C-alpha atoms as a PDB file:
ATOM      1  CA  MET A   1       0.000   0.000   0.000  1.00  0.00           C
ATOM      2  CA  ILE A   2       2.891   2.303   0.682  1.00  0.00           C
ATOM      3  CA  ILE A   3       4.311   1.840  -2.799  1.00  0.00           C
ATOM      4  CA  LEU A   4       0.866   2.297  -4.355  1.00  0.00           C
ATOM      5  CA  GLY A   5       0.422   5.526  -2.375  1.00  0.00           C
ATOM      6  CA  ILE A   6       3.763   6.867  -3.584  1.00  0.00           C
ATOM      7  CA  VAL A   7       2.966   5.957  -7.197  1.00  0.00           C
ATOM      8  CA  LEU A   8      -0.403   7.707  -6.978  1.00  0.00           C
ATOM      9  CA  LEU A   9       1.199  10.782  -5.411  1.00  0.00           C
ATOM     10  CA  VAL A  10       3.780  11.028  -8.182  1.00  0.00           C
ATOM     11  CA  ALA A  11       1.220  10.381 -10.924  1.00  0.00           C
ATOM     12  CA  GLY A  12      -1.153  12.962  -9.476  1.00  0.00           C
ATOM     13  CA  PHE A  13       1.624  15.519  -9.212  1.00  0.00           C
ATOM     14  CA  LEU A  14       2.979  14.972 -12.712  1.00  0.00           C
ATOM     15  CA  LEU A  15      -0.412  14.764 -14.429  1.00  0.00           C
ATOM     16  CA  LYS A  16      -1.912  17.582 -12.326  1.00  0.00           C
ATOM     17  CA  ILE A  17      -4.887  15.418 -11.269  1.00  0.00           C
ATOM     18  CA  GLN A  18      -5.983  16.371  -7.751  1.00  0.00           C
ATOM     19  CA  ILE A  19      -8.039  13.238  -7.076  1.00  0.00           C
ATOM     20  CA  LEU A  20      -4.985  11.010  -7.628  1.00  0.00           C
ATOM     21  CA  TRP A  21      -3.003  13.228  -5.258  1.00  0.00           C
ATOM     22  CA  ALA A  22      -5.689  12.932  -2.568  1.00  0.00           C
ATOM     23  CA  ILE A  23      -6.116   9.175  -2.980  1.00  0.00           C
ATOM     24  CA  GLY A  24      -2.334   8.756  -2.885  1.00  0.00           C
ATOM     25  CA  ILE A  25      -2.102  10.599   0.435  1.00  0.00           C
ATOM     26  CA  VAL A  26      -4.887   8.502   1.960  1.00  0.00           C
ATOM     27  CA  VAL A  27      -3.427   5.190   0.750  1.00  0.00           C
ATOM     28  CA  LEU A  28       0.054   6.181   1.926  1.00  0.00           C
ATOM     29  CA  ILE A  29      -1.185   7.091   5.416  1.00  0.00           C
ATOM     30  CA  ILE A  30      -3.185   3.848   5.713  1.00  0.00           C
ATOM     31  CA  GLY A  31      -0.139   1.852   4.629  1.00  0.00           C
ATOM     32  CA  LEU A  32       2.095   3.578   7.166  1.00  0.00           C
ATOM     33  CA  VAL A  33      -0.423   3.020   9.977  1.00  0.00           C
ATOM     34  CA  LEU A  34      -0.721  -0.680   9.115  1.00  0.00           C
ATOM     35  CA  LEU A  35       3.056  -0.960   8.951  1.00  0.00           C
ATOM     36  CA  ALA A  36       3.431   0.694  12.362  1.00  0.00           C
ATOM     37  CA  LEU A  37       0.778  -1.511  13.958  1.00  0.00           C
ATOM     38  CA  GLY A  38       2.312  -4.640  12.464  1.00  0.00           C
ATOM     39  CA  SER A  39       5.807  -3.745  13.607  1.00  0.00           C
ATOM     40  CA  MET A  40       4.570  -3.218  17.181  1.00  0.00           C
ATOM     41  CA  GLY A  41       3.373  -6.824  17.258  1.00  0.00           C
ATOM     42  CA  ARG A  42      -0.341  -6.102  17.076  1.00  0.00           C
ATOM     43  CA  ALA A  43      -2.355  -8.399  14.860  1.00  0.00           C
ATOM     44  CA  VAL A  44      -3.889  -6.382  12.016  1.00  0.00           C
ATOM     45  CA  GLY A  45      -6.648  -8.145  10.107  1.00  0.00           C
ATOM     46  CA  GLY A  46      -5.632 -11.497  11.545  1.00  0.00           C
ATOM     47  CA  ARG A  47      -1.986 -11.070  10.540  1.00  0.00           C
ATOM     48  CA  ARG A  48       0.860 -10.559  12.951  1.00  0.00           C
ATOM     49  CA  HIS A  49       2.973  -8.774  10.312  1.00  0.00           C
ATOM     50  CA  TYR A  50       1.683  -6.567   7.513  1.00  0.00           C
ATOM     51  CA  TYR A  51       3.841  -6.343   4.421  1.00  0.00           C
END
């Protein structure tokens, strides 16, 4: 999700499409939150680690 968020951010910036920029920010933040929760040892969605 983190990589997808970065790709959407770059695509939105280069193509000047605001909706891609906004979706990229949201996906990036969700990916970082899931990564942080997984690295703390909390089970996220039934998984101990989220990749």
